[in-house]
Amino acid sequence: QRWQPLEDTAYRSPNHEPRELIAMNMNVLLSVFKRDFVSYFTSPLGYVFVWLFVFLGTIAAFWSNEFFNANLANLDQLNFWFPFIMLAFIPAITMSVWAEERRQGTDELLLTIPVADFDVVLGKYLAAVAIFTVSLLFSLLCNYLVLETLGDPDVGLLAGTYCGYWFVGLAMLAVGMVGSFMTRNLTVAFILGALFNAPLVLAVWADSIMAPAWGQAVQPWSVGQQFADFGSGVISLSSIAYFVTVLAVMLYVCMVMIGRRHWARGADWVVQAVHFAIRTAALV
């Protein structure tokens, strides 16, 4: 009922103006964003996940004796463990992005809205980013209060570190969404989100897992290595490009997966699958 007037005004006339299309696309995008963002916090489980994220971050930052032995008011200990915490927290956000829609059958309603697939995918992604940002702000507040109580933290270093955390989340959220688009089961979506993000996190140990030459080539592509500059208070353009590239490629994969409904059946389906696989590889 909410989208019907937009359909009448924007799509029944073949001579509609571009601004009407833009307005309609923005309305749909915001509707998808609000629906996903609010639905996450209508369940107590959403608050539990946020609390666990803040709790684990605080424990990782201050529980170790190394924090007190170093006698520095920074988050060096959390910087090491943060990607692994995200490996559990990110799938908790992304598992319901699309799997819940398919499980409840509401995906058919979204797919019949006269709007581009990109707007649906972007609306859901921005909702996941907003949920993660809220969680990160709570973590920032808690950790800052602890650091300020124990010492005199460098505000610039802290801001750069949390900026890096945010970019790590942007990339891993996009990867986790791919897992949600592949299934209608929430548990499977959680597992796939963790599995797809695991190579980005575990690549930091590539030199210990594989041959030294291969390990040294793979290790710089890990989240930990790309985050290192942020952990020292440096806003690195190369690291930002890395995270933005990952999220751009993964959002494109999500658009390909949501657009599979348009593909022809039979042998043509395989041809189209290969076609979009080549396009994704070209984008990478």
C-alpha atoms as a PDB file:
ATOM      1  CA  GLN A   1       0.000   0.000   0.000  1.00  0.00           C
ATOM      2  CA  ARG A   2       2.847   2.340   0.733  1.00  0.00           C
ATOM      3  CA  TRP A   3       4.493   1.781  -2.655  1.00  0.00           C
ATOM      4  CA  GLN A   4       1.357   1.808  -4.839  1.00  0.00           C
ATOM      5  CA  PRO A   5       1.139   5.624  -5.311  1.00  0.00           C
ATOM      6  CA  LEU A   6       4.796   5.698  -6.311  1.00  0.00           C
ATOM      7  CA  GLU A   7       4.128   3.066  -8.944  1.00  0.00           C
ATOM      8  CA  ASP A   8       1.181   5.026 -10.335  1.00  0.00           C
ATOM      9  CA  THR A   9       2.989   8.356 -10.588  1.00  0.00           C
ATOM     10  CA  ALA A  10       6.394   7.147 -11.735  1.00  0.00           C
ATOM     11  CA  TYR A  11       5.862   4.128 -13.934  1.00  0.00           C
ATOM     12  CA  ARG A  12       2.505   4.340 -15.686  1.00  0.00           C
ATOM     13  CA  SER A  13       3.542   7.327 -17.730  1.00  0.00           C
ATOM     14  CA  PRO A  14       6.221   6.611 -20.355  1.00  0.00           C
ATOM     15  CA  ASN A  15       7.294  10.247 -20.210  1.00  0.00           C
ATOM     16  CA  HIS A  16       8.016  10.432 -16.491  1.00  0.00           C
ATOM     17  CA  GLU A  17      10.781  12.829 -15.520  1.00  0.00           C
ATOM     18  CA  PRO A  18      14.112  11.610 -14.090  1.00  0.00           C
ATOM     19  CA  ARG A  19      13.490  13.376 -10.782  1.00  0.00           C
ATOM     20  CA  GLU A  20      10.370  11.271 -10.235  1.00  0.00           C
ATOM     21  CA  LEU A  21      12.417   8.118 -10.745  1.00  0.00           C
ATOM     22  CA  ILE A  22      15.085   9.375  -8.358  1.00  0.00           C
ATOM     23  CA  ALA A  23      12.469  10.267  -5.734  1.00  0.00           C
ATOM     24  CA  MET A  24      10.819   6.881  -6.053  1.00  0.00           C
ATOM     25  CA  ASN A  25      14.139   5.019  -5.858  1.00  0.00           C
ATOM     26  CA  MET A  26      15.127   6.982  -2.771  1.00  0.00           C
ATOM     27  CA  ASN A  27      11.772   6.281  -1.120  1.00  0.00           C
ATOM     28  CA  VAL A  28      12.112   2.558  -1.744  1.00  0.00           C
ATOM     29  CA  LEU A  29      15.734   2.566  -0.591  1.00  0.00           C
ATOM     30  CA  LEU A  30      14.813   4.390   2.630  1.00  0.00           C
ATOM     31  CA  SER A  31      11.847   2.073   3.206  1.00  0.00           C
ATOM     32  CA  VAL A  32      14.069  -0.995   2.893  1.00  0.00           C
ATOM     33  CA  PHE A  33      16.679   0.662   5.123  1.00  0.00           C
ATOM     34  CA  LYS A  34      14.197   1.574   7.874  1.00  0.00           C
ATOM     35  CA  ARG A  35      12.501  -1.818   7.764  1.00  0.00           C
ATOM     36  CA  ASP A  36      15.744  -3.778   8.159  1.00  0.00           C
ATOM     37  CA  PHE A  37      17.242  -1.426  10.744  1.00  0.00           C
ATOM     38  CA  VAL A  38      14.170  -1.348  12.962  1.00  0.00           C
ATOM     39  CA  SER A  39      13.495  -5.080  12.647  1.00  0.00           C
ATOM     40  CA  TYR A  40      16.971  -5.881  13.992  1.00  0.00           C
ATOM     41  CA  PHE A  41      16.254  -4.046  17.241  1.00  0.00           C
ATOM     42  CA  THR A  42      12.673  -5.251  17.655  1.00  0.00           C
ATOM     43  CA  SER A  43      14.063  -8.579  18.837  1.00  0.00           C
ATOM     44  CA  PRO A  44      15.996  -8.963  22.114  1.00  0.00           C
ATOM     45  CA  LEU A  45      18.532 -11.011  20.152  1.00  0.00           C
ATOM     46  CA  GLY A  46      19.743  -7.848  18.418  1.00  0.00           C
ATOM     47  CA  TYR A  47      20.537  -6.184  21.754  1.00  0.00           C
ATOM     48  CA  VAL A  48      22.280  -9.359  22.923  1.00  0.00           C
ATOM     49  CA  PHE A  49      24.549  -9.331  19.872  1.00  0.00           C
ATOM     50  CA  VAL A  50      25.419  -5.654  20.420  1.00  0.00           C
ATOM     51  CA  TRP A  51      26.163  -6.298  24.097  1.00  0.00           C
ATOM     52  CA  LEU A  52      28.368  -9.273  23.228  1.00  0.00           C
ATOM     53  CA  PHE A  53      30.262  -7.193  20.672  1.00  0.00           C
ATOM     54  CA  VAL A  54      30.989  -4.442  23.199  1.00  0.00           C
ATOM     55  CA  PHE A  55      31.821  -6.966  25.934  1.00  0.00           C
ATOM     56  CA  LEU A  56      34.221  -8.993  23.782  1.00  0.00           C
ATOM     57  CA  GLY A  57      35.908  -5.817  22.539  1.00  0.00           C
ATOM     58  CA  THR A  58      36.451  -4.577  26.081  1.00  0.00           C
ATOM     59  CA  ILE A  59      37.776  -7.942  27.261  1.00  0.00           C
ATOM     60  CA  ALA A  60      40.166  -8.193  24.295  1.00  0.00           C
ATOM     61  CA  ALA A  61      41.452  -4.666  24.920  1.00  0.00           C
ATOM     62  CA  PHE A  62      42.015  -4.711  28.688  1.00  0.00           C
ATOM     63  CA  TRP A  63      41.969  -8.282  29.984  1.00  0.00           C
ATOM     64  CA  SER A  64      45.482  -9.165  28.839  1.00  0.00           C
ATOM     65  CA  ASN A  65      48.420  -8.345  31.101  1.00  0.00           C
ATOM     66  CA  GLU A  66      50.196  -6.905  28.054  1.00  0.00           C
ATOM     67  CA  PHE A  67      47.995  -3.816  28.252  1.00  0.00           C
ATOM     68  CA  PHE A  68      49.269  -2.996  31.754  1.00  0.00           C
ATOM     69  CA  ASN A  69      52.844  -4.101  31.008  1.00  0.00           C
ATOM     70  CA  ALA A  70      53.029  -1.729  28.029  1.00  0.00           C
ATOM     71  CA  ASN A  71      51.657   1.120  30.201  1.00  0.00           C
ATOM     72  CA  LEU A  72      50.139   2.803  27.132  1.00  0.00           C
ATOM     73  CA  ALA A  73      46.549   4.082  26.868  1.00  0.00           C
ATOM     74  CA  ASN A  74      45.838   2.588  23.452  1.00  0.00           C
ATOM     75  CA  LEU A  75      44.021  -0.371  21.882  1.00  0.00           C
ATOM     76  CA  ASP A  76      46.959  -2.396  20.569  1.00  0.00           C
ATOM     77  CA  GLN A  77      45.633  -5.624  22.103  1.00  0.00           C
ATOM     78  CA  LEU A  78      42.154  -5.096  20.625  1.00  0.00           C
ATOM     79  CA  ASN A  79      43.659  -4.335  17.207  1.00  0.00           C
ATOM     80  CA  PHE A  80      44.971  -7.887  16.997  1.00  0.00           C
ATOM     81  CA  TRP A  81      41.754  -9.592  18.109  1.00  0.00           C
ATOM     82  CA  PHE A  82      39.251  -7.282  16.415  1.00  0.00           C
ATOM     83  CA  PRO A  83      39.104  -9.126  13.036  1.00  0.00           C
ATOM     84  CA  PHE A  84      38.384 -12.384  14.875  1.00  0.00           C
ATOM     85  CA  ILE A  85      35.615 -10.748  16.913  1.00  0.00           C
ATOM     86  CA  MET A  86      34.165  -9.460  13.663  1.00  0.00           C
ATOM     87  CA  LEU A  87      34.280 -12.975  12.254  1.00  0.00           C
ATOM     88  CA  ALA A  88      31.513 -13.852  14.732  1.00  0.00           C
ATOM     89  CA  PHE A  89      29.681 -10.526  14.935  1.00  0.00           C
ATOM     90  CA  ILE A  90      29.348  -9.658  11.244  1.00  0.00           C
ATOM     91  CA  PRO A  91      27.458 -12.875  10.311  1.00  0.00           C
ATOM     92  CA  ALA A  92      25.091 -12.148  13.196  1.00  0.00           C
ATOM     93  CA  ILE A  93      24.097  -8.939  11.389  1.00  0.00           C
ATOM     94  CA  THR A  94      24.072 -10.198   7.807  1.00  0.00           C
ATOM     95  CA  MET A  95      22.471 -13.623   8.299  1.00  0.00           C
ATOM     96  CA  SER A  96      18.949 -12.166   8.233  1.00  0.00           C
ATOM     97  CA  VAL A  97      19.523  -9.642   5.441  1.00  0.00           C
ATOM     98  CA  TRP A  98      18.044 -11.872   2.743  1.00  0.00           C
ATOM     99  CA  ALA A  99      17.674 -15.339   4.281  1.00  0.00           C
ATOM    100  CA  GLU A 100      14.901 -14.056   6.548  1.00  0.00           C
ATOM    101  CA  GLU A 101      13.093 -12.512   3.577  1.00  0.00           C
ATOM    102  CA  ARG A 102      13.146 -15.831   1.717  1.00  0.00           C
ATOM    103  CA  ARG A 103      12.128 -17.789   4.806  1.00  0.00           C
ATOM    104  CA  GLN A 104       9.079 -15.576   5.396  1.00  0.00           C
ATOM    105  CA  GLY A 105       8.247 -15.257   1.696  1.00  0.00           C
ATOM    106  CA  THR A 106       8.483 -11.452   1.768  1.00  0.00           C
ATOM    107  CA  ASP A 107      11.212 -11.495  -0.874  1.00  0.00           C
ATOM    108  CA  GLU A 108       8.498 -11.760  -3.541  1.00  0.00           C
ATOM    109  CA  LEU A 109       7.064  -8.422  -2.398  1.00  0.00           C
ATOM    110  CA  LEU A 110      10.458  -6.725  -2.638  1.00  0.00           C
ATOM    111  CA  LEU A 111      11.173  -8.210  -6.044  1.00  0.00           C
ATOM    112  CA  THR A 112       7.862  -6.985  -7.477  1.00  0.00           C
ATOM    113  CA  ILE A 113       8.519  -3.368  -6.509  1.00  0.00           C
ATOM    114  CA  PRO A 114       9.200  -1.306  -9.672  1.00  0.00           C
ATOM    115  CA  VAL A 115      12.738  -0.432  -8.669  1.00  0.00           C
ATOM    116  CA  ALA A 116      16.238  -1.530  -9.611  1.00  0.00           C
ATOM    117  CA  ASP A 117      17.889  -4.430  -7.801  1.00  0.00           C
ATOM    118  CA  PHE A 118      20.690  -2.073  -6.802  1.00  0.00           C
ATOM    119  CA  ASP A 119      18.322  -0.004  -4.644  1.00  0.00           C
ATOM    120  CA  VAL A 120      17.127  -3.077  -2.749  1.00  0.00           C
ATOM    121  CA  VAL A 121      20.669  -4.352  -2.205  1.00  0.00           C
ATOM    122  CA  LEU A 122      21.962  -0.910  -1.224  1.00  0.00           C
ATOM    123  CA  GLY A 123      19.086  -0.321   1.197  1.00  0.00           C
ATOM    124  CA  LYS A 124      19.782  -3.597   2.964  1.00  0.00           C
ATOM    125  CA  TYR A 125      23.516  -2.955   3.012  1.00  0.00           C
ATOM    126  CA  LEU A 126      23.105   0.531   4.496  1.00  0.00           C
ATOM    127  CA  ALA A 127      20.835  -0.906   7.205  1.00  0.00           C
ATOM    128  CA  ALA A 128      23.545  -3.432   8.109  1.00  0.00           C
ATOM    129  CA  VAL A 129      26.132  -0.625   8.132  1.00  0.00           C
ATOM    130  CA  ALA A 130      23.920   1.453  10.437  1.00  0.00           C
ATOM    131  CA  ILE A 131      23.516  -1.465  12.865  1.00  0.00           C
ATOM    132  CA  PHE A 132      27.270  -2.015  12.908  1.00  0.00           C
ATOM    133  CA  THR A 133      27.943   1.721  13.343  1.00  0.00           C
ATOM    134  CA  VAL A 134      25.659   1.892  16.373  1.00  0.00           C
ATOM    135  CA  SER A 135      27.477  -1.077  17.913  1.00  0.00           C
ATOM    136  CA  LEU A 136      30.841   0.509  17.160  1.00  0.00           C
ATOM    137  CA  LEU A 137      29.816   3.785  18.804  1.00  0.00           C
ATOM    138  CA  PHE A 138      28.890   1.934  21.997  1.00  0.00           C
ATOM    139  CA  SER A 139      32.271   0.190  21.911  1.00  0.00           C
ATOM    140  CA  LEU A 140      34.044   3.503  21.367  1.00  0.00           C
ATOM    141  CA  LEU A 141      32.282   5.067  24.341  1.00  0.00           C
ATOM    142  CA  CYS A 142      33.055   2.179  26.691  1.00  0.00           C
ATOM    143  CA  ASN A 143      36.700   1.839  25.691  1.00  0.00           C
ATOM    144  CA  TYR A 144      37.288   5.591  25.813  1.00  0.00           C
ATOM    145  CA  LEU A 145      35.899   5.797  29.344  1.00  0.00           C
ATOM    146  CA  VAL A 146      38.208   3.000  30.462  1.00  0.00           C
ATOM    147  CA  LEU A 147      41.265   4.546  28.791  1.00  0.00           C
ATOM    148  CA  GLU A 148      40.488   7.965  30.204  1.00  0.00           C
ATOM    149  CA  THR A 149      40.133   6.492  33.671  1.00  0.00           C
ATOM    150  CA  LEU A 150      43.449   4.638  33.488  1.00  0.00           C
ATOM    151  CA  GLY A 151      45.505   7.253  31.639  1.00  0.00           C
ATOM    152  CA  ASP A 152      45.578  10.002  29.030  1.00  0.00           C
ATOM    153  CA  PRO A 153      44.577   8.495  25.653  1.00  0.00           C
ATOM    154  CA  ASP A 154      45.560  10.054  22.331  1.00  0.00           C
ATOM    155  CA  VAL A 155      42.224  11.120  20.842  1.00  0.00           C
ATOM    156  CA  GLY A 156      43.641  11.227  17.302  1.00  0.00           C
ATOM    157  CA  LEU A 157      45.031   7.706  17.586  1.00  0.00           C
ATOM    158  CA  LEU A 158      41.734   6.458  19.008  1.00  0.00           C
ATOM    159  CA  ALA A 159      39.765   8.123  16.206  1.00  0.00           C
ATOM    160  CA  GLY A 160      42.049   6.650  13.542  1.00  0.00           C
ATOM    161  CA  THR A 161      41.768   3.196  15.095  1.00  0.00           C
ATOM    162  CA  TYR A 162      37.972   3.260  15.145  1.00  0.00           C
ATOM    163  CA  CYS A 163      37.921   4.641  11.624  1.00  0.00           C
ATOM    164  CA  GLY A 164      39.837   1.518  10.644  1.00  0.00           C
ATOM    165  CA  TYR A 165      37.370  -0.666  12.550  1.00  0.00           C
ATOM    166  CA  TRP A 166      34.559   0.946  10.583  1.00  0.00           C
ATOM    167  CA  PHE A 167      36.178   0.272   7.218  1.00  0.00           C
ATOM    168  CA  VAL A 168      36.865  -3.328   8.236  1.00  0.00           C
ATOM    169  CA  GLY A 169      33.165  -3.648   9.027  1.00  0.00           C
ATOM    170  CA  LEU A 170      32.126  -2.127   5.699  1.00  0.00           C
ATOM    171  CA  ALA A 171      34.062  -4.766   3.773  1.00  0.00           C
ATOM    172  CA  MET A 172      33.106  -7.738   5.936  1.00  0.00           C
ATOM    173  CA  LEU A 173      29.409  -6.789   5.931  1.00  0.00           C
ATOM    174  CA  ALA A 174      29.354  -6.890   2.132  1.00  0.00           C
ATOM    175  CA  VAL A 175      31.047 -10.303   2.164  1.00  0.00           C
ATOM    176  CA  GLY A 176      28.611 -11.609   4.774  1.00  0.00           C
ATOM    177  CA  MET A 177      25.633 -10.455   2.723  1.00  0.00           C
ATOM    178  CA  VAL A 178      26.666 -12.811  -0.072  1.00  0.00           C
ATOM    179  CA  GLY A 179      26.196 -15.728   2.311  1.00  0.00           C
ATOM    180  CA  SER A 180      22.714 -14.516   3.226  1.00  0.00           C
ATOM    181  CA  PHE A 181      21.717 -14.239  -0.446  1.00  0.00           C
ATOM    182  CA  MET A 182      22.644 -17.890  -1.013  1.00  0.00           C
ATOM    183  CA  THR A 183      20.206 -19.528   1.419  1.00  0.00           C
ATOM    184  CA  ARG A 184      16.932 -19.130   3.298  1.00  0.00           C
ATOM    185  CA  ASN A 185      18.208 -20.777   6.487  1.00  0.00           C
ATOM    186  CA  LEU A 186      19.516 -18.331   9.107  1.00  0.00           C
ATOM    187  CA  THR A 187      21.974 -20.802  10.601  1.00  0.00           C
ATOM    188  CA  VAL A 188      23.433 -21.646   7.201  1.00  0.00           C
ATOM    189  CA  ALA A 189      23.592 -17.915   6.374  1.00  0.00           C
ATOM    190  CA  PHE A 190      25.560 -17.307   9.595  1.00  0.00           C
ATOM    191  CA  ILE A 191      27.995 -20.121   8.789  1.00  0.00           C
ATOM    192  CA  LEU A 192      28.457 -18.968   5.178  1.00  0.00           C
ATOM    193  CA  GLY A 193      29.042 -15.393   6.302  1.00  0.00           C
ATOM    194  CA  ALA A 194      31.784 -16.571   8.656  1.00  0.00           C
ATOM    195  CA  LEU A 195      33.328 -18.905   6.069  1.00  0.00           C
ATOM    196  CA  PHE A 196      33.428 -16.265   3.336  1.00  0.00           C
ATOM    197  CA  ASN A 197      35.079 -13.750   5.674  1.00  0.00           C
ATOM    198  CA  ALA A 198      37.526 -16.260   7.141  1.00  0.00           C
ATOM    199  CA  PRO A 199      40.095 -16.037   4.282  1.00  0.00           C
ATOM    200  CA  LEU A 200      40.333 -12.264   4.695  1.00  0.00           C
ATOM    201  CA  VAL A 201      40.998 -12.657   8.420  1.00  0.00           C
ATOM    202  CA  LEU A 202      43.173 -15.784   8.447  1.00  0.00           C
ATOM    203  CA  ALA A 203      45.358 -14.587   5.563  1.00  0.00           C
ATOM    204  CA  VAL A 204      47.410 -12.696   8.149  1.00  0.00           C
ATOM    205  CA  TRP A 205      48.924 -16.081   9.065  1.00  0.00           C
ATOM    206  CA  ALA A 206      49.513 -17.102   5.446  1.00  0.00           C
ATOM    207  CA  ASP A 207      53.297 -17.206   5.879  1.00  0.00           C
ATOM    208  CA  SER A 208      52.855 -19.876   8.566  1.00  0.00           C
ATOM    209  CA  ILE A 209      50.295 -21.943   6.660  1.00  0.00           C
ATOM    210  CA  MET A 210      51.790 -22.121   3.165  1.00  0.00           C
ATOM    211  CA  ALA A 211      55.165 -21.811   1.506  1.00  0.00           C
ATOM    212  CA  PRO A 212      57.033 -18.610   2.457  1.00  0.00           C
ATOM    213  CA  ALA A 213      56.919 -17.182  -1.068  1.00  0.00           C
ATOM    214  CA  TRP A 214      53.180 -17.745  -1.362  1.00  0.00           C
ATOM    215  CA  GLY A 215      52.571 -16.585   2.191  1.00  0.00           C
ATOM    216  CA  GLN A 216      54.354 -13.297   1.673  1.00  0.00           C
ATOM    217  CA  ALA A 217      52.252 -12.694  -1.441  1.00  0.00           C
ATOM    218  CA  VAL A 218      48.940 -13.479   0.281  1.00  0.00           C
ATOM    219  CA  GLN A 219      49.552 -11.862   3.671  1.00  0.00           C
ATOM    220  CA  PRO A 220      49.287  -8.214   2.513  1.00  0.00           C
ATOM    221  CA  TRP A 221      45.732  -8.952   1.344  1.00  0.00           C
ATOM    222  CA  SER A 222      44.567  -9.795   4.852  1.00  0.00           C
ATOM    223  CA  VAL A 223      42.317  -7.529   6.881  1.00  0.00           C
ATOM    224  CA  GLY A 224      44.906  -7.372   9.657  1.00  0.00           C
ATOM    225  CA  GLN A 225      47.658  -6.113   7.374  1.00  0.00           C
ATOM    226  CA  GLN A 226      45.420  -3.526   5.727  1.00  0.00           C
ATOM    227  CA  PHE A 227      44.236  -2.332   9.135  1.00  0.00           C
ATOM    228  CA  ALA A 228      47.769  -1.888  10.499  1.00  0.00           C
ATOM    229  CA  ASP A 229      48.075   1.737   9.347  1.00  0.00           C
ATOM    230  CA  PHE A 230      44.800   2.691  11.042  1.00  0.00           C
ATOM    231  CA  GLY A 231      46.020   1.066  14.262  1.00  0.00           C
ATOM    232  CA  SER A 232      48.951   3.478  14.297  1.00  0.00           C
ATOM    233  CA  GLY A 233      46.709   6.491  13.660  1.00  0.00           C
ATOM    234  CA  VAL A 234      47.402   6.787   9.919  1.00  0.00           C
ATOM    235  CA  ILE A 235      44.460   7.103   7.494  1.00  0.00           C
ATOM    236  CA  SER A 236      45.901   5.142   4.585  1.00  0.00           C
ATOM    237  CA  LEU A 237      44.382   5.684   1.144  1.00  0.00           C
ATOM    238  CA  SER A 238      45.651   2.311  -0.057  1.00  0.00           C
ATOM    239  CA  SER A 239      43.878   0.565   2.824  1.00  0.00           C
ATOM    240  CA  ILE A 240      40.687   2.513   2.173  1.00  0.00           C
ATOM    241  CA  ALA A 241      40.888   1.492  -1.497  1.00  0.00           C
ATOM    242  CA  TYR A 242      41.271  -2.150  -0.423  1.00  0.00           C
ATOM    243  CA  PHE A 243      38.165  -2.117   1.793  1.00  0.00           C
ATOM    244  CA  VAL A 244      36.084  -0.143  -0.709  1.00  0.00           C
ATOM    245  CA  THR A 245      37.092  -2.570  -3.481  1.00  0.00           C
ATOM    246  CA  VAL A 246      36.015  -5.567  -1.417  1.00  0.00           C
ATOM    247  CA  LEU A 247      32.614  -4.058  -0.619  1.00  0.00           C
ATOM    248  CA  ALA A 248      32.060  -2.937  -4.231  1.00  0.00           C
ATOM    249  CA  VAL A 249      32.799  -6.395  -5.628  1.00  0.00           C
ATOM    250  CA  MET A 250      30.660  -8.153  -3.010  1.00  0.00           C
ATOM    251  CA  LEU A 251      27.697  -5.813  -3.533  1.00  0.00           C
ATOM    252  CA  TYR A 252      27.947  -6.510  -7.257  1.00  0.00           C
ATOM    253  CA  VAL A 253      27.880 -10.246  -6.500  1.00  0.00           C
ATOM    254  CA  CYS A 254      24.745  -9.661  -4.392  1.00  0.00           C
ATOM    255  CA  MET A 255      23.132  -7.854  -7.331  1.00  0.00           C
ATOM    256  CA  VAL A 256      24.007 -10.752  -9.631  1.00  0.00           C
ATOM    257  CA  MET A 257      22.478 -13.236  -7.174  1.00  0.00           C
ATOM    258  CA  ILE A 258      19.275 -11.261  -6.713  1.00  0.00           C
ATOM    259  CA  GLY A 259      19.036 -10.852 -10.491  1.00  0.00           C
ATOM    260  CA  ARG A 260      19.176 -14.604 -11.167  1.00  0.00           C
ATOM    261  CA  ARG A 261      15.374 -14.625 -11.350  1.00  0.00           C
ATOM    262  CA  HIS A 262      15.651 -12.924 -14.760  1.00  0.00           C
ATOM    263  CA  TRP A 263      17.891 -15.610 -16.218  1.00  0.00           C
ATOM    264  CA  ALA A 264      16.525 -18.076 -18.742  1.00  0.00           C
ATOM    265  CA  ARG A 265      16.238 -21.722 -17.738  1.00  0.00           C
ATOM    266  CA  GLY A 266      18.123 -24.645 -19.248  1.00  0.00           C
ATOM    267  CA  ALA A 267      21.427 -24.358 -21.056  1.00  0.00           C
ATOM    268  CA  ASP A 268      21.134 -20.578 -21.299  1.00  0.00           C
ATOM    269  CA  TRP A 269      21.259 -20.403 -17.495  1.00  0.00           C
ATOM    270  CA  VAL A 270      24.783 -21.864 -17.510  1.00  0.00           C
ATOM    271  CA  VAL A 271      25.882 -19.422 -20.204  1.00  0.00           C
ATOM    272  CA  GLN A 272      24.580 -16.484 -18.190  1.00  0.00           C
ATOM    273  CA  ALA A 273      26.217 -17.789 -15.007  1.00  0.00           C
ATOM    274  CA  VAL A 274      29.584 -17.991 -16.780  1.00  0.00           C
ATOM    275  CA  HIS A 275      29.002 -14.547 -18.279  1.00  0.00           C
ATOM    276  CA  PHE A 276      28.425 -12.910 -14.892  1.00  0.00           C
ATOM    277  CA  ALA A 277      31.311 -14.847 -13.338  1.00  0.00           C
ATOM    278  CA  ILE A 278      33.617 -13.342 -15.977  1.00  0.00           C
ATOM    279  CA  ARG A 279      32.148  -9.883 -15.336  1.00  0.00           C
ATOM    280  CA  THR A 280      32.778 -10.279 -11.596  1.00  0.00           C
ATOM    281  CA  ALA A 281      36.355 -11.384 -12.242  1.00  0.00           C
ATOM    282  CA  ALA A 282      36.831  -8.375 -14.533  1.00  0.00           C
ATOM    283  CA  LEU A 283      35.554  -6.081 -11.782  1.00  0.00           C
ATOM    284  CA  VAL A 284      38.049  -7.599  -9.344  1.00  0.00           C
END
